[in-house]
Amino acid sequence: MAGVPPDEERGFPARESKGITASPGTLAATAGVASQDPGAPVNLRIDLLTLQLFVAIVEEQSIAKAAEKKHIAVSAVSRRISDLEEMLQVELLYRRSKGIEPTAAGFALLEHARIVLGNLVHLETDLIGYRQGTRGHIRLFVNKSAILESLAQQLGEFLVLHPLVRVDLDESISPEIIQAVTENRADLGIFGGNILAPDLECFPYRQDNLVAILPADHPLANRPAVRFSELVALEFISLEKGSSIDTLCIKAAAELGRQLKVRIRVSGFDALLRLVQARMGAGVVPQEITAGRFDLAGLAVVPIDEPWALRTLVLAVRDRASLPPATRLLVDYLLKPGSRDA
């Protein structure tokens, strides 16, 4: 294929010139397979491990990291991908200076592989856990606020009721949560409702109140509340770009005809609070996370007097009606009136 580097340069072993004999009715993969009719039907024999390895290579952007993740020799992983490309008669991966990247055909395989592997997770859950939904595996992507405000306690209560349910919990920012649920890498997600997710079913989960975090001796520190117009001139310590709170603050500044002055970005609330304590700037966090969880010495917590400061977190799924039993039980539990106020 023109423009595609040879196997050795892409991290794969060189392909042998001899054919690989297949059983009757299957494709006989040979080095000369490209000379076959490209329109001829291909009888595929792709095993699940190869699909898992392919997805891992794309996600890790590295054959070596994927091999380590799956506890398989690098040479064995490389051979599987080479054999897969030979069987499919198409290049699937490029090796770039920044790592492995899928070709157009590779992206198509990635999409279908994730669907197949995701469906297998659901198949396992359904077969094992149909007995009242008491056994299952739930993949959950959530933002930082949800974990600190109420989700940790809710999950603890739920797992006491359903001790045979396993939960994979990933913390991420809202756009990545939406993408994970959309791509079937997560069964459900919880994120800021100001980030739109038109392809998902979204349900109100809880509300929180955003407050300004300032040094205790700041001129605004003793105010009962502040408008964002009084804060926008300050330098900010902000969460990751694209997070729900960051997006709200940037939008609010833009509506005032200003640009949010982000001095430092951090990945968590603890780091944000410590940097404000060090007088590096101001911050915006949910008031609910400040109750006894962090050291607030030298800090002032001031409510923000803006409609958007009352923020809604949403719970999202692809299709609530088709959720596996254990996942459906968790969704019902999280959305139960009163359960989020504990």
Protein backbone atom coordinates (compact mmCIF):
# COMPACT_ATOMS: atom_id res chain seq x y z
CA MET A 1 0.00 0.00 0.00
CA ALA A 2 1.48 3.28 -1.11
CA GLY A 3 2.70 5.57 1.66
CA VAL A 4 2.57 2.82 4.31
CA PRO A 5 5.90 1.99 6.02
CA PRO A 6 7.09 -1.64 5.87
CA ASP A 7 6.30 -3.99 8.73
CA GLU A 8 9.74 -3.72 10.35
CA GLU A 9 9.42 0.09 10.58
CA ARG A 10 5.92 -0.18 12.11
CA GLY A 11 7.09 -2.41 14.94
CA PHE A 12 5.86 -5.67 13.39
CA PRO A 13 7.99 -8.66 12.36
CA ALA A 14 8.60 -9.12 8.67
CA ARG A 15 5.97 -11.27 7.02
CA GLU A 16 7.06 -14.67 5.79
CA SER A 17 6.79 -15.44 2.11
CA LYS A 18 5.25 -18.86 2.67
CA GLY A 19 1.49 -19.27 3.01
CA ILE A 20 -0.39 -20.22 6.13
CA THR A 21 -2.61 -23.17 5.33
CA ALA A 22 -6.15 -22.80 6.62
CA SER A 23 -8.78 -25.42 7.20
CA PRO A 24 -11.38 -25.95 4.44
CA GLY A 25 -13.80 -23.06 4.10
CA THR A 26 -11.44 -20.51 5.72
CA LEU A 27 -9.15 -17.94 4.18
CA ALA A 28 -5.67 -19.13 3.25
CA ALA A 29 -3.55 -16.14 4.21
CA THR A 30 -0.43 -15.77 2.06
CA ALA A 31 2.12 -13.10 1.30
CA GLY A 32 0.66 -12.94 -2.18
CA VAL A 33 -2.86 -12.36 -0.91
CA ALA A 34 -2.92 -8.84 -2.33
CA SER A 35 -3.02 -10.36 -5.80
CA GLN A 36 -6.38 -11.98 -5.02
CA ASP A 37 -9.61 -10.41 -6.20
CA PRO A 38 -10.20 -7.51 -3.75
CA GLY A 39 -13.93 -7.96 -4.22
CA ALA A 40 -13.86 -11.63 -3.22
CA PRO A 41 -15.61 -12.46 0.08
CA VAL A 42 -13.33 -13.04 3.08
CA ASN A 43 -14.26 -15.73 5.60
CA LEU A 44 -13.03 -14.10 8.83
CA ARG A 45 -11.66 -15.98 11.80
CA ILE A 46 -10.87 -13.25 14.36
CA ASP A 47 -10.48 -14.40 17.95
CA LEU A 48 -11.44 -12.25 20.93
CA LEU A 49 -7.89 -11.95 22.26
CA THR A 50 -6.74 -10.40 18.99
CA LEU A 51 -9.58 -7.86 19.18
CA GLN A 52 -8.65 -7.05 22.78
CA LEU A 53 -5.01 -6.61 21.80
CA PHE A 54 -5.89 -4.38 18.85
CA VAL A 55 -8.04 -2.10 21.05
CA ALA A 56 -5.28 -1.98 23.69
CA ILE A 57 -2.66 -1.03 21.07
CA VAL A 58 -4.79 1.86 19.81
CA GLU A 59 -5.64 3.07 23.32
CA GLU A 60 -2.05 2.81 24.56
CA GLN A 61 -0.58 3.98 21.22
CA SER A 62 2.09 1.35 21.75
CA ILE A 63 2.50 -2.36 21.03
CA ALA A 64 4.86 -2.76 23.97
CA LYS A 65 2.45 -1.12 26.44
CA ALA A 66 -0.46 -3.19 25.11
CA ALA A 67 1.61 -6.36 25.49
CA GLU A 68 2.50 -5.41 29.07
CA LYS A 69 -1.14 -4.60 29.85
CA LYS A 70 -2.30 -8.00 28.57
CA HIS A 71 0.75 -9.89 29.94
CA ILE A 72 1.74 -11.20 26.51
CA ALA A 73 5.12 -11.09 24.77
CA VAL A 74 5.61 -8.15 22.41
CA SER A 75 6.57 -10.48 19.57
CA ALA A 76 3.36 -12.48 20.01
CA VAL A 77 1.26 -9.31 19.91
CA SER A 78 3.07 -8.08 16.79
CA ARG A 79 2.56 -11.42 15.06
CA ARG A 80 -1.16 -11.45 15.85
CA ILE A 81 -1.62 -7.99 14.33
CA SER A 82 0.44 -8.91 11.26
CA ASP A 83 -1.62 -12.07 10.77
CA LEU A 84 -4.82 -10.07 11.22
CA GLU A 85 -3.78 -7.55 8.56
CA GLU A 86 -2.80 -10.39 6.24
CA MET A 87 -6.14 -12.11 6.73
CA LEU A 88 -8.11 -8.89 6.19
CA GLN A 89 -5.87 -7.84 3.27
CA VAL A 90 -5.63 -4.29 4.63
CA GLU A 91 -3.24 -2.23 6.73
CA LEU A 92 -4.65 -1.43 10.18
CA LEU A 93 -1.93 0.52 11.99
CA TYR A 94 0.69 3.14 11.24
CA ARG A 95 3.75 3.76 13.39
CA ARG A 96 4.28 7.49 13.86
CA SER A 97 6.89 9.35 15.85
CA LYS A 98 4.30 9.98 18.57
CA GLY A 99 3.20 6.34 18.64
CA ILE A 100 0.89 3.86 16.95
CA GLU A 101 -2.08 5.28 15.01
CA PRO A 102 -4.90 3.39 13.28
CA THR A 103 -5.48 3.70 9.54
CA ALA A 104 -8.99 4.41 8.24
CA ALA A 105 -9.60 0.66 8.19
CA GLY A 106 -8.15 0.47 11.69
CA PHE A 107 -10.66 3.02 12.98
CA ALA A 108 -13.48 0.95 11.47
CA LEU A 109 -12.16 -2.20 13.17
CA LEU A 110 -11.75 -0.29 16.46
CA GLU A 111 -15.38 0.82 16.45
CA HIS A 112 -16.69 -2.69 15.80
CA ALA A 113 -14.22 -4.30 18.21
CA ARG A 114 -15.41 -2.07 21.06
CA ILE A 115 -19.02 -2.95 20.28
CA VAL A 116 -18.24 -6.68 20.18
CA LEU A 117 -16.20 -6.60 23.40
CA GLY A 118 -18.77 -4.39 25.13
CA ASN A 119 -21.55 -6.76 24.09
CA LEU A 120 -19.55 -9.67 25.49
CA VAL A 121 -19.31 -7.91 28.85
CA HIS A 122 -23.08 -7.53 28.80
CA LEU A 123 -23.49 -11.17 27.73
CA GLU A 124 -21.40 -12.30 30.70
CA THR A 125 -23.41 -10.11 33.04
CA ASP A 126 -26.73 -11.35 31.68
CA LEU A 127 -25.81 -15.04 31.79
CA ILE A 128 -24.32 -14.95 35.27
CA GLY A 129 -26.43 -12.28 36.94
CA TYR A 130 -30.02 -12.81 35.83
CA ARG A 131 -30.82 -14.26 39.24
CA GLN A 132 -32.51 -11.08 40.48
CA GLY A 133 -29.62 -9.04 39.08
CA THR A 134 -27.52 -9.76 42.15
CA ARG A 135 -24.35 -10.58 40.21
CA GLY A 136 -22.77 -8.43 37.51
CA HIS A 137 -20.06 -6.09 36.29
CA ILE A 138 -20.72 -2.35 35.95
CA ARG A 139 -18.41 0.11 34.18
CA LEU A 140 -18.89 3.59 35.62
CA PHE A 141 -17.29 6.88 34.46
CA VAL A 142 -17.88 9.91 36.72
CA ASN A 143 -16.50 13.36 37.44
CA LYS A 144 -14.67 14.39 40.61
CA SER A 145 -17.63 16.26 42.07
CA ALA A 146 -19.93 13.24 41.97
CA ILE A 147 -17.45 11.02 43.83
CA LEU A 148 -16.80 13.53 46.61
CA GLU A 149 -20.36 14.76 47.04
CA SER A 150 -22.48 11.60 47.33
CA LEU A 151 -21.55 8.81 44.92
CA ALA A 152 -18.94 7.14 47.13
CA GLN A 153 -21.45 6.70 49.94
CA GLN A 154 -24.18 5.54 47.54
CA LEU A 155 -21.91 2.97 45.93
CA GLY A 156 -20.92 1.66 49.36
CA GLU A 157 -24.57 1.22 50.31
CA PHE A 158 -25.42 -0.40 46.97
CA LEU A 159 -22.57 -2.91 47.18
CA VAL A 160 -23.62 -3.91 50.69
CA LEU A 161 -27.02 -4.79 49.21
CA HIS A 162 -25.44 -6.50 46.18
CA PRO A 163 -22.10 -7.95 47.30
CA LEU A 164 -21.61 -10.00 44.10
CA VAL A 165 -21.67 -6.93 41.84
CA ARG A 166 -18.28 -5.65 40.64
CA VAL A 167 -17.78 -1.99 39.70
CA ASP A 168 -15.03 -0.48 37.57
CA LEU A 169 -14.97 3.22 38.51
CA ASP A 170 -13.09 5.71 36.31
CA GLU A 171 -12.75 9.39 37.19
CA SER A 172 -12.68 11.74 34.21
CA ILE A 173 -13.91 15.08 32.89
CA SER A 174 -17.38 15.50 31.41
CA PRO A 175 -16.56 15.32 27.64
CA GLU A 176 -14.51 12.15 28.15
CA ILE A 177 -17.29 10.60 30.23
CA ILE A 178 -19.80 11.28 27.46
CA GLN A 179 -17.45 9.76 24.89
CA ALA A 180 -16.86 6.66 27.03
CA VAL A 181 -20.60 5.99 27.40
CA THR A 182 -21.25 6.69 23.71
CA GLU A 183 -18.45 4.31 22.64
CA ASN A 184 -19.69 1.55 24.97
CA ARG A 185 -16.58 1.74 27.16
CA ALA A 186 -18.83 2.69 30.08
CA ASP A 187 -22.30 1.50 31.06
CA LEU A 188 -23.22 4.78 32.69
CA GLY A 189 -21.68 8.17 33.37
CA ILE A 190 -22.22 11.07 35.74
CA PHE A 191 -21.12 14.56 34.67
CA GLY A 192 -22.01 18.24 34.62
CA GLY A 193 -25.35 18.86 32.95
CA ASN A 194 -24.04 21.96 31.20
CA ILE A 195 -22.09 19.64 28.85
CA LEU A 196 -24.53 18.41 26.19
CA ALA A 197 -24.85 14.70 25.36
CA PRO A 198 -27.50 14.50 22.60
CA ASP A 199 -26.85 10.82 21.81
CA LEU A 200 -27.43 9.63 25.39
CA GLU A 201 -30.39 9.29 27.73
CA CYS A 202 -29.75 11.75 30.57
CA PHE A 203 -31.47 11.95 33.95
CA PRO A 204 -31.04 14.58 36.71
CA TYR A 205 -28.80 13.07 39.38
CA ARG A 206 -28.22 15.84 41.95
CA GLN A 207 -27.52 19.57 42.24
CA ASP A 208 -24.56 21.30 43.82
CA ASN A 209 -23.69 24.90 44.60
CA LEU A 210 -20.54 26.43 43.14
CA VAL A 211 -18.58 28.75 45.42
CA ALA A 212 -15.49 30.93 45.11
CA ILE A 213 -12.36 29.91 47.02
CA LEU A 214 -10.24 32.92 48.04
CA PRO A 215 -7.39 33.65 50.45
CA ALA A 216 -8.90 34.51 53.84
CA ASP A 217 -7.56 38.09 53.72
CA HIS A 218 -8.81 38.83 50.19
CA PRO A 219 -11.04 41.97 49.97
CA LEU A 220 -13.99 39.78 48.83
CA ALA A 221 -13.46 37.10 51.47
CA ASN A 222 -15.98 38.44 54.01
CA ARG A 223 -18.79 39.07 51.55
CA PRO A 224 -21.98 36.99 51.98
CA ALA A 225 -21.89 36.36 48.22
CA VAL A 226 -20.12 37.65 45.11
CA ARG A 227 -21.10 38.17 41.50
CA PHE A 228 -18.87 36.60 38.91
CA SER A 229 -18.24 40.06 37.48
CA GLU A 230 -16.32 40.77 40.72
CA LEU A 231 -14.22 37.63 40.29
CA VAL A 232 -13.48 37.68 36.58
CA ALA A 233 -10.57 40.12 36.92
CA LEU A 234 -8.72 37.70 39.21
CA GLU A 235 -6.28 35.00 38.13
CA PHE A 236 -7.78 31.52 38.46
CA ILE A 237 -6.64 28.09 39.53
CA SER A 238 -8.80 25.92 37.29
CA LEU A 239 -9.58 22.26 36.80
CA GLU A 240 -8.75 20.49 33.53
CA LYS A 241 -9.77 22.18 30.31
CA GLY A 242 -13.16 20.91 29.22
CA SER A 243 -14.36 20.04 32.72
CA SER A 244 -17.86 21.14 33.68
CA ILE A 245 -16.78 23.87 36.12
CA ASP A 246 -14.06 25.18 33.79
CA THR A 247 -16.59 25.36 30.94
CA LEU A 248 -19.11 27.25 33.10
CA CYS A 249 -16.51 29.81 34.21
CA ILE A 250 -15.19 30.39 30.68
CA LYS A 251 -18.74 30.89 29.39
CA ALA A 252 -19.61 33.27 32.24
CA ALA A 253 -16.49 35.34 31.54
CA ALA A 254 -17.31 35.46 27.83
CA GLU A 255 -20.83 36.70 28.57
CA LEU A 256 -19.18 39.57 30.47
CA GLY A 257 -16.99 40.30 27.46
CA ARG A 258 -13.93 39.04 29.34
CA GLN A 259 -11.53 36.13 29.03
CA LEU A 260 -10.96 33.89 32.02
CA LYS A 261 -7.39 34.34 33.23
CA VAL A 262 -6.27 30.80 34.04
CA ARG A 263 -2.91 30.86 35.78
CA ILE A 264 -2.63 27.16 36.65
CA ARG A 265 -4.65 24.07 35.71
CA VAL A 266 -4.84 21.16 38.14
CA SER A 267 -6.37 17.69 38.10
CA GLY A 268 -8.08 17.73 41.50
CA PHE A 269 -9.74 19.82 44.16
CA ASP A 270 -7.04 19.23 46.77
CA ALA A 271 -4.35 20.73 44.50
CA LEU A 272 -6.65 23.66 43.67
CA LEU A 273 -7.21 24.48 47.33
CA ARG A 274 -3.52 24.24 48.18
CA LEU A 275 -2.60 26.63 45.37
CA VAL A 276 -5.20 29.14 46.52
CA GLN A 277 -3.73 28.81 50.03
CA ALA A 278 -0.39 29.68 48.44
CA ARG A 279 -2.01 32.83 47.05
CA MET A 280 -1.57 31.77 43.42
CA GLY A 281 -5.11 32.73 42.45
CA ALA A 282 -8.82 32.12 43.07
CA GLY A 283 -10.81 28.96 42.42
CA VAL A 284 -14.36 27.71 41.91
CA VAL A 285 -15.49 24.42 43.48
CA PRO A 286 -18.76 22.81 44.65
CA GLN A 287 -19.62 23.91 48.18
CA GLU A 288 -20.53 20.30 48.98
CA ILE A 289 -16.92 19.10 48.75
CA THR A 290 -15.67 21.60 51.33
CA ALA A 291 -17.52 20.09 54.30
CA GLY A 292 -14.77 18.52 56.40
CA ARG A 293 -12.90 16.89 53.53
CA PHE A 294 -10.04 19.32 52.98
CA ASP A 295 -7.84 21.66 54.99
CA LEU A 296 -9.44 25.08 54.50
CA ALA A 297 -7.07 26.96 56.81
CA GLY A 298 -6.35 30.37 55.39
CA LEU A 299 -9.19 30.13 52.88
CA ALA A 300 -12.58 31.79 52.49
CA VAL A 301 -15.56 30.01 50.90
CA VAL A 302 -17.86 32.60 49.29
CA PRO A 303 -21.12 31.73 47.48
CA ILE A 304 -21.37 32.86 43.85
CA ASP A 305 -24.55 34.84 43.18
CA GLU A 306 -25.26 33.60 39.65
CA PRO A 307 -28.01 31.32 38.26
CA TRP A 308 -25.43 28.93 36.77
CA ALA A 309 -23.77 28.48 40.18
CA LEU A 310 -26.60 26.07 41.03
CA ARG A 311 -25.31 23.23 38.87
CA THR A 312 -27.09 20.02 37.89
CA LEU A 313 -25.17 16.76 37.60
CA VAL A 314 -26.74 14.22 35.24
CA LEU A 315 -26.60 10.45 34.98
CA ALA A 316 -26.40 9.20 31.40
CA VAL A 317 -26.78 5.83 29.67
CA ARG A 318 -27.09 4.75 26.06
CA ASP A 319 -30.47 3.04 26.51
CA ARG A 320 -31.95 2.56 29.97
CA ALA A 321 -34.42 -0.09 28.79
CA SER A 322 -31.68 -2.40 27.50
CA LEU A 323 -29.30 -2.15 30.47
CA PRO A 324 -28.07 -5.42 32.02
CA PRO A 325 -29.88 -6.28 35.29
CA ALA A 326 -27.13 -5.23 37.71
CA THR A 327 -26.54 -1.92 35.91
CA ARG A 328 -30.27 -1.24 35.87
CA LEU A 329 -30.40 -1.86 39.63
CA LEU A 330 -27.59 0.65 40.20
CA VAL A 331 -29.21 3.29 37.98
CA ASP A 332 -32.51 2.86 39.81
CA TYR A 333 -30.73 3.11 43.16
CA LEU A 334 -28.78 6.25 42.22
CA LEU A 335 -31.91 7.98 40.89
CA LYS A 336 -34.12 6.96 43.81
CA PRO A 337 -35.60 10.08 45.46
CA GLY A 338 -33.80 10.90 48.70
CA SER A 339 -30.84 8.58 48.13
CA ARG A 340 -28.62 11.43 46.95
CA ASP A 341 -29.23 13.61 49.99
CA ALA A 342 -27.54 11.36 52.50
